[in-house]
Protein backbone atom coordinates (compact mmCIF):
# COMPACT_ATOMS: atom_id res chain seq x y z
CA MET A 1 298.20 159.85 180.15
CA VAL A 2 301.89 158.22 180.38
CA THR A 3 304.35 160.29 178.40
CA LEU A 4 307.97 160.37 178.42
CA ALA A 5 310.17 163.12 179.69
CA GLU A 6 312.92 163.04 176.76
CA PRO A 7 312.14 162.97 173.60
CA PRO A 8 312.70 159.41 172.04
CA ALA A 9 315.42 158.18 169.53
CA LEU A 10 316.72 160.26 167.40
CA LYS A 11 314.81 157.89 164.45
CA VAL A 12 311.80 159.27 165.90
CA ILE A 13 313.04 162.72 165.35
CA ARG A 14 313.44 162.17 161.60
CA ARG A 15 310.25 160.40 161.29
CA ALA A 16 308.32 163.03 163.11
CA GLY A 17 309.85 165.53 161.07
CA ARG A 18 311.19 168.17 164.21
CA PRO A 19 314.00 169.58 165.16
CA GLU A 20 316.44 167.24 167.96
CA ASN A 21 316.35 170.13 170.44
CA ASP A 22 312.52 170.57 170.49
CA ARG A 23 311.07 169.12 173.61
CA THR A 24 307.75 171.07 173.64
CA HIS A 25 305.67 167.83 172.58
CA SER A 26 304.65 165.23 174.79
CA TRP A 27 305.08 161.52 173.68
CA VAL A 28 303.11 159.15 174.72
CA ALA A 29 304.60 155.23 175.43
CA PRO A 30 302.75 152.49 172.93
CA GLU A 31 302.19 150.53 176.18
CA GLU A 32 300.07 153.78 177.54
CA PHE A 33 298.35 153.82 173.56
CA PHE A 34 297.39 150.10 173.48
CA ARG A 35 295.35 150.32 177.44
CA ASN A 36 292.64 151.31 175.60
CA ILE A 37 292.87 149.47 172.23
CA ARG A 38 290.99 146.12 171.62
CA TYR A 39 291.26 145.42 168.13
CA VAL A 40 294.15 145.31 165.97
CA THR A 41 294.25 145.04 162.36
CA ILE A 42 298.02 143.49 161.38
CA LYS A 43 299.00 143.70 158.03
CA VAL A 44 301.12 141.00 157.38
CA THR A 45 302.22 141.84 154.12
CA ASN A 46 301.02 144.17 151.14
CA GLY A 47 301.61 141.35 148.89
CA CYS A 48 298.65 139.50 146.85
CA ASN A 49 298.44 136.99 144.00
CA LEU A 50 295.35 138.75 142.83
CA LYS A 51 294.74 142.41 141.61
CA CYS A 52 291.65 143.81 142.35
CA SER A 53 290.56 146.52 140.24
CA TYR A 54 288.90 148.84 143.54
CA CYS A 55 291.57 146.98 146.00
CA ASN A 56 291.21 149.53 149.25
CA VAL A 57 295.03 148.32 149.89
CA ASP A 58 296.31 148.49 146.60
CA ALA A 59 298.02 145.42 146.93
CA ASP A 60 301.47 144.77 145.49
CA VAL A 61 302.79 141.06 143.78
CA PRO A 62 303.66 138.33 146.25
CA SER A 63 307.06 139.09 146.61
CA THR A 64 306.29 141.99 148.60
CA PRO A 65 308.44 142.49 151.92
CA ARG A 66 306.37 140.62 154.66
CA ILE A 67 306.05 141.45 158.56
CA SER A 68 308.66 139.80 160.73
CA MET A 69 307.66 137.64 163.37
CA GLU A 70 310.02 140.17 165.98
CA THR A 71 307.49 142.71 164.80
CA TYR A 72 304.39 140.59 165.09
CA LYS A 73 305.25 139.81 168.59
CA ARG A 74 305.47 143.50 169.70
CA ILE A 75 302.44 143.82 168.74
CA ALA A 76 301.10 141.00 170.71
CA ASP A 77 303.20 142.20 173.78
CA LEU A 78 301.84 145.84 173.33
CA LEU A 79 298.14 144.46 173.37
CA ILE A 80 297.55 141.30 175.15
CA LYS A 81 299.96 142.98 178.09
CA ASN A 82 298.60 146.42 178.45
CA SER A 83 295.10 146.12 176.64
CA VAL A 84 292.06 146.66 179.57
CA HIS A 85 289.85 144.62 177.60
CA GLU A 86 289.82 140.88 178.33
CA GLU A 87 288.94 139.79 175.26
CA VAL A 88 290.99 140.96 172.61
CA GLY A 89 291.62 140.65 168.86
CA LEU A 90 294.94 140.32 166.76
CA GLU A 91 293.35 140.13 162.87
CA PHE A 92 295.84 138.79 160.12
CA HIS A 93 295.00 140.60 156.95
CA GLY A 94 297.03 142.14 154.26
CA GLY A 95 297.28 142.08 151.20
CA GLU A 96 296.88 138.50 151.06
CA PRO A 97 297.62 136.82 154.55
CA LEU A 98 297.60 133.46 152.86
CA ILE A 99 300.82 134.11 150.79
CA MET A 100 302.57 134.21 154.68
CA PRO A 101 304.16 130.41 155.58
CA ASP A 102 302.25 128.25 157.65
CA GLU A 103 305.09 128.17 160.38
CA PHE A 104 304.10 131.97 160.83
CA PHE A 105 300.69 131.54 161.80
CA GLN A 106 301.49 128.24 164.02
CA GLU A 107 304.17 130.79 165.91
CA ALA A 108 302.14 134.01 166.44
CA VAL A 109 299.37 132.16 167.52
CA ALA A 110 301.25 130.05 169.83
CA TYR A 111 302.85 133.29 171.11
CA ALA A 112 299.80 135.15 171.98
CA ALA A 113 298.27 132.15 173.36
CA ASP A 114 301.02 132.23 176.18
CA LEU A 115 300.93 135.65 176.63
CA ALA A 116 297.19 135.44 177.23
CA LYS A 117 298.23 132.79 180.23
CA LYS A 118 300.34 134.72 181.77
CA TYR A 119 298.26 138.30 181.49
CA GLY A 120 295.32 137.91 183.35
CA LYS A 121 294.22 134.69 181.10
CA LYS A 122 292.73 137.20 178.02
CA LYS A 123 290.70 135.48 175.13
CA VAL A 124 292.58 136.36 172.21
CA MET A 125 290.63 136.46 168.83
CA HIS A 126 292.39 135.69 165.59
CA PRO A 127 290.04 136.82 162.46
CA MET A 128 291.55 136.61 159.10
CA GLN A 129 290.32 138.32 155.93
CA THR A 130 291.60 136.29 152.83
CA ASN A 131 290.41 135.95 148.88
CA ALA A 132 290.07 132.31 149.41
CA THR A 133 292.02 131.11 146.26
CA LYS A 134 294.63 129.40 148.61
CA LEU A 135 292.01 128.03 150.83
CA THR A 136 292.68 124.11 151.02
CA GLU A 137 291.67 121.44 152.85
CA GLU A 138 295.05 120.74 154.17
CA LYS A 139 294.90 124.64 154.95
CA LEU A 140 291.92 124.81 156.63
CA GLU A 141 292.09 122.55 158.86
CA MET A 142 295.46 124.51 159.82
CA LEU A 143 293.45 127.40 159.93
CA GLN A 144 290.90 125.87 162.38
CA GLY A 145 293.56 123.98 164.38
CA LEU A 146 294.66 126.99 165.29
CA GLY A 147 291.50 128.57 166.05
CA ILE A 148 291.68 131.22 163.21
CA ASP A 149 288.31 132.16 162.04
CA VAL A 150 288.22 132.50 158.16
CA GLY A 151 286.27 135.32 156.45
CA ILE A 152 285.84 134.95 152.75
CA SER A 153 285.93 137.73 150.19
CA CYS A 154 283.20 137.35 147.47
CA ASP A 155 281.19 139.68 145.26
CA GLY A 156 279.09 137.20 144.02
CA PRO A 157 278.94 134.12 141.44
CA PRO A 158 281.97 134.36 139.13
CA ASP A 159 280.54 136.05 136.19
CA ILE A 160 279.70 139.03 138.59
CA ASN A 161 282.48 138.40 141.01
CA ASP A 162 285.34 138.92 138.03
CA GLN A 163 284.11 142.24 136.99
CA PHE A 164 285.66 143.84 139.56
CA ARG A 165 287.70 141.44 141.42
CA MET A 166 288.98 137.90 140.30
CA ALA A 167 289.53 134.17 140.05
CA GLY A 168 285.57 133.86 141.04
CA LYS A 169 285.65 130.34 139.98
CA ARG A 170 288.32 129.72 142.67
CA VAL A 171 286.25 131.17 144.93
CA GLU A 172 283.59 129.48 144.26
CA GLN A 173 284.94 126.00 144.95
CA ALA A 174 286.31 127.59 148.54
CA LEU A 175 282.75 128.40 149.84
CA LYS A 176 281.91 124.68 148.84
CA MET A 177 284.15 123.24 150.84
CA LEU A 178 283.65 125.46 153.59
CA VAL A 179 279.60 124.22 153.05
CA LYS A 180 280.23 120.94 152.71
CA ARG A 181 282.95 120.98 156.42
CA ARG A 182 280.05 122.77 157.84
CA SER A 183 283.14 125.05 158.28
CA ALA A 184 281.97 128.35 160.27
CA PHE A 185 283.16 131.48 158.11
CA GLY A 186 282.34 135.01 157.61
CA MET A 187 282.09 136.71 153.97
CA ILE A 188 282.37 140.10 152.80
CA LEU A 189 280.40 141.42 149.82
CA VAL A 190 281.64 144.69 148.33
CA LEU A 191 278.74 146.46 146.64
CA SER A 192 279.57 148.01 143.59
CA LYS A 193 278.56 149.22 140.12
CA GLY A 194 279.40 145.56 138.89
CA ASN A 195 276.39 143.90 141.07
CA CYS A 196 274.17 146.75 142.62
CA ASN A 197 271.39 145.85 140.01
CA HIS A 198 272.37 142.12 140.65
CA MET A 199 271.92 141.70 144.33
CA TYR A 200 268.14 139.70 144.37
CA ARG A 201 270.37 136.84 141.89
CA ILE A 202 273.25 137.04 143.93
CA MET A 203 271.32 136.33 147.23
CA GLU A 204 269.76 133.37 145.72
CA TYR A 205 272.76 131.96 144.15
CA PHE A 206 274.42 132.03 147.71
CA ARG A 207 271.22 130.42 148.87
CA GLU A 208 272.05 127.36 146.70
CA LEU A 209 275.60 127.35 147.54
CA GLY A 210 274.43 126.60 150.99
CA VAL A 211 276.06 130.14 152.44
CA GLN A 212 273.62 131.50 155.11
CA GLY A 213 274.99 134.91 155.20
CA PHE A 214 277.38 137.89 154.84
CA ARG A 215 277.90 141.24 155.12
CA PHE A 216 278.34 144.25 152.44
CA ASN A 217 280.50 147.04 152.31
CA PHE A 218 279.73 149.70 149.78
CA LEU A 219 282.49 150.49 147.38
CA GLN A 220 284.31 153.13 148.87
CA PRO A 221 287.06 155.74 147.99
CA GLN A 222 290.18 154.42 148.80
CA GLY A 223 293.28 153.04 147.66
CA LEU A 224 292.60 151.75 143.94
CA GLY A 225 289.14 152.53 144.55
CA MET A 226 289.71 156.21 144.40
CA GLU A 227 289.82 155.25 140.48
CA HIS A 228 286.60 153.59 140.36
CA SER A 229 283.49 155.98 139.92
CA LEU A 230 281.12 155.97 143.61
CA LEU A 231 277.72 154.47 143.71
CA SER A 232 274.85 156.80 143.51
CA THR A 233 271.90 156.89 145.79
CA GLU A 234 270.10 155.08 143.44
CA GLU A 235 272.59 152.46 142.99
CA MET A 236 273.04 151.72 146.64
CA PHE A 237 269.28 151.65 147.23
CA ALA A 238 269.16 149.25 144.47
CA GLY A 239 271.33 146.84 145.92
CA VAL A 240 270.20 147.03 149.48
CA LYS A 241 266.80 146.58 148.07
CA GLY A 242 267.45 143.35 146.49
CA VAL A 243 268.99 142.16 149.62
CA PHE A 244 266.08 143.10 151.73
CA ASP A 245 263.46 141.89 149.08
CA HIS A 246 265.38 138.63 148.91
CA MET A 247 265.56 138.36 152.85
CA ALA A 248 261.45 138.83 153.13
CA ASP A 249 260.44 136.66 150.10
CA THR A 250 262.64 133.75 151.40
CA GLU A 251 261.95 133.78 155.20
CA CYS A 252 265.70 134.98 155.82
CA SER A 253 267.49 131.58 153.54
CA VAL A 254 270.67 134.25 153.60
CA VAL A 255 271.06 136.66 156.32
CA GLU A 256 272.99 140.21 155.67
CA ALA A 257 274.10 141.97 158.48
CA ASN A 258 273.84 145.41 157.71
CA THR A 259 269.89 144.81 156.47
CA GLN A 260 269.11 142.79 159.72
CA MET A 261 270.76 145.79 161.39
CA LEU A 262 268.68 148.29 159.94
CA VAL A 263 265.13 146.29 159.75
CA ASN A 264 265.80 145.84 163.70
CA ARG A 265 266.54 149.41 163.99
CA PHE A 266 263.74 150.59 162.35
CA ALA A 267 261.50 148.30 164.35
CA PHE A 268 263.12 148.78 167.82
CA GLY A 269 265.12 151.98 167.85
CA ARG A 270 268.74 152.14 167.99
CA ASN A 271 269.56 151.14 171.68
CA PRO A 272 270.76 149.38 173.36
CA SER A 273 273.73 150.55 170.29
CA ARG A 274 277.65 149.79 171.13
CA PRO A 275 279.58 153.10 171.81
CA LEU A 276 282.10 154.13 169.37
CA SER A 277 281.26 151.23 166.37
CA CYS A 278 281.48 151.52 162.55
CA TRP A 279 277.25 152.16 162.58
CA GLU A 280 277.56 154.86 165.00
CA LEU A 281 278.27 158.70 164.96
CA GLU A 282 281.56 158.16 166.44
CA CYS A 283 283.54 155.58 165.27
CA GLN A 284 286.33 153.40 167.14
CA ALA A 285 288.79 154.33 164.58
CA GLY A 286 292.17 155.04 166.77
CA ARG A 287 290.68 154.72 169.82
CA THR A 288 289.40 151.23 170.68
CA TYR A 289 290.76 150.10 167.61
CA CYS A 290 293.83 150.56 165.26
CA ALA A 291 296.00 148.70 161.85
CA VAL A 292 299.81 148.02 162.01
CA ASN A 293 301.44 147.75 159.01
CA LEU A 294 304.60 145.94 158.21
CA GLU A 295 306.83 148.35 159.73
CA GLY A 296 305.49 149.07 162.24
CA ASP A 297 303.53 152.16 162.09
CA VAL A 298 300.18 152.51 163.72
CA PHE A 299 297.01 153.94 161.80
CA SER A 300 293.65 154.67 163.29
CA CYS A 301 291.79 152.48 160.49
CA GLY A 302 293.23 149.73 158.59
CA THR A 303 290.61 150.24 156.16
CA ASP A 304 292.42 153.16 154.53
CA ILE A 305 296.18 152.61 155.63
CA SER A 306 297.62 155.58 153.83
CA LYS A 307 296.16 157.89 155.98
CA HIS A 308 295.11 158.82 159.60
CA ARG A 309 299.21 157.59 160.90
CA LEU A 310 299.27 157.56 165.22
CA GLY A 311 302.95 156.52 165.61
CA HIS A 312 305.34 153.28 165.78
CA ILE A 313 304.64 150.79 168.08
CA ASP A 314 308.15 151.55 169.33
CA ASP A 315 309.19 154.98 168.79
CA GLY A 316 306.04 156.04 170.72
CA PHE A 317 303.26 158.79 169.62
CA ASN A 318 303.22 162.70 169.58
CA GLN A 319 300.23 163.63 171.42
CA GLU A 320 299.53 166.62 169.24
CA ASN A 321 299.59 164.25 166.07
CA ILE A 322 296.70 161.91 167.78
CA ASN A 323 294.72 164.73 168.94
CA ASN A 324 295.02 166.46 164.96
CA THR A 325 295.18 163.13 163.51
CA LEU A 326 291.79 161.80 165.25
CA CYS A 327 290.06 165.24 165.09
CA GLY A 328 290.48 165.38 161.71
CA LEU A 329 289.22 161.84 161.20
CA HIS A 330 286.30 162.37 163.22
CA LYS A 331 285.46 165.96 163.52
CA LYS A 332 281.60 166.84 162.47
CA ASP A 333 280.73 169.63 160.22
CA ALA A 334 277.69 171.72 159.51
CA TRP A 335 276.72 169.37 157.42
CA TYR A 336 275.50 166.78 160.03
CA THR A 337 272.99 169.64 161.50
CA ARG A 338 270.46 168.09 158.62
CA CYS A 339 270.63 164.46 160.68
CA PHE A 340 268.26 166.39 163.48
CA ASP A 341 265.58 166.28 162.45
CA CYS A 342 265.64 163.12 159.70
CA ASP A 343 263.06 160.29 161.08
CA ALA A 344 265.44 158.14 158.66
CA LYS A 345 268.48 158.58 161.28
CA ARG A 346 266.79 155.92 162.97
CA ILE A 347 268.33 153.43 160.81
CA CYS A 348 271.17 155.03 159.66
CA SER A 349 274.79 154.25 159.45
CA LEU A 350 276.08 158.20 159.52
CA SER A 351 278.71 157.45 156.81
CA CYS A 352 282.31 156.24 157.12
CA PRO A 353 284.58 159.01 157.76
CA THR A 354 287.49 157.65 156.01
CA SER A 355 286.03 157.70 153.13
CA ASP A 356 284.56 160.91 153.85
CA PHE A 357 287.81 162.00 154.36
CA ASN A 358 288.47 161.45 150.77
CA ASP A 359 285.71 162.08 148.74
CA ILE A 360 282.98 164.31 150.79
CA ARG A 361 280.90 163.25 147.91
CA TYR A 362 280.64 159.98 149.74
CA ARG A 363 278.24 161.25 152.39
CA ASP A 364 275.44 162.38 150.04
CA SER A 365 274.89 159.27 148.31
CA GLU A 366 274.71 157.30 151.67
CA CYS A 367 272.47 159.64 153.19
CA GLY A 368 270.41 159.70 150.03
CA TYR A 369 269.74 156.14 149.95
CA THR A 370 269.61 155.60 153.63
CA ARG A 371 266.52 158.26 153.13
CA ALA A 372 265.22 156.21 150.48
CA PHE A 373 265.45 153.17 152.17
CA PHE A 374 263.47 154.18 155.23
CA ARG A 375 260.98 155.11 153.31
CA TYR A 376 260.47 151.87 151.57
CA LEU A 377 260.51 149.95 155.27
CA THR A 378 257.87 152.43 155.89
CA GLU A 379 255.98 151.71 152.73
CA ASN A 380 256.44 147.73 153.26
CA PRO A 381 255.59 147.00 156.58
CA GLU A 382 254.56 143.43 155.59
CA LYS A 383 258.12 142.47 154.15
CA VAL A 384 259.65 143.85 157.47
CA TYR A 385 257.02 141.58 159.82
CA SER A 386 258.33 138.26 157.18
CA VAL A 387 262.66 139.71 157.81
CA LEU A 388 261.93 140.04 161.66
CA ARG A 389 260.44 136.30 161.74
CA GLY A 390 263.06 134.86 159.58
CA ILE A 391 266.20 136.86 161.56
CA GLY A 392 263.92 135.45 164.61
CA GLU A 393 264.54 131.97 163.28
CA LYS A 394 268.41 132.33 162.73
CA ARG A 395 271.15 132.43 165.71
CA PRO A 396 273.46 135.45 165.49
CA MET A 397 276.15 135.14 162.94
CA GLY A 398 279.74 137.23 163.45
CA TYR A 399 281.25 139.29 160.49
CA PHE A 400 285.06 140.22 160.83
CA HIS A 401 286.33 143.82 160.25
CA LEU A 402 287.95 144.75 156.26
């Protein structure tokens, strides 16, 4: 581990809240921290043109300050120059990234491409998660020309989507445009009290639009989501059952990625599994993945940018803070002893530590739903076989981090 012999500048001391003459803690250089990182979520703005009631980042108005090109280039430098991984990702996230000017993305992608050629011909991915309300034909052509992969947020048909989100009609228009142009895109749906009992209908809506796949996330206790009631075990199960039943009944006319993973695990086991995955006992937060806000502060996970700060792209990282933050985020307590003898661990995602950190009840609900869904799979082998046949005819689909 590379450390700095002397503490960084006085502004770092003020940030860390330690006396100027305290030299007892080691400081990790930003270049060293980014050696193991393969994917960075960049919060290019906290602003958004919508105000969804469960927004996990509590987005502000569009006039909110935005990331500077200088800060973006510093992040790109640290990742592309130093990462040991041949394929790395710089994700444009917000807020709503499309409130940024086109020129920002053009310069950002060109800069990263030049760095990639200079430092080992690395492959740089540029995902973007957007609410799609600003996605015009011209904007989409620009993004595709830059190689930016678009991920859309949609919770169902407008009447369902707009219960907790906004602008469902505009999102629907964007989806129709993407399908008509045969554009590749990912889609995220937040499974909430507003749609958990309507997922079969939502799957049919996606099928009619021509959407072939998506991924759901349970509504989590983050940002404005803290003000929402958590889904119960029964509501989680109802939502996933609706998805699974539709996949089984229609030979996977629409594929939901989490359900696909659960069925594959049920049929074939957990291996081979990707280490440090969001769906394993230990996730990648702060290890091979991090998020950076527009001020250059580095966080272990982008799904809850308000917590788990690790350091700063210019100032470096206090090793003790890294250790304490990641231990507090990933440490497993005696609650998890119940997993040892549980048959459902074959398919279990083992909960989300950033959600558990905010509300420990979240993992209880997800545990109960997982057990219930495992029983449902066991009791309905013909549906499992139907889904497996349908999945076998589909090519693998990629979905982006949120």
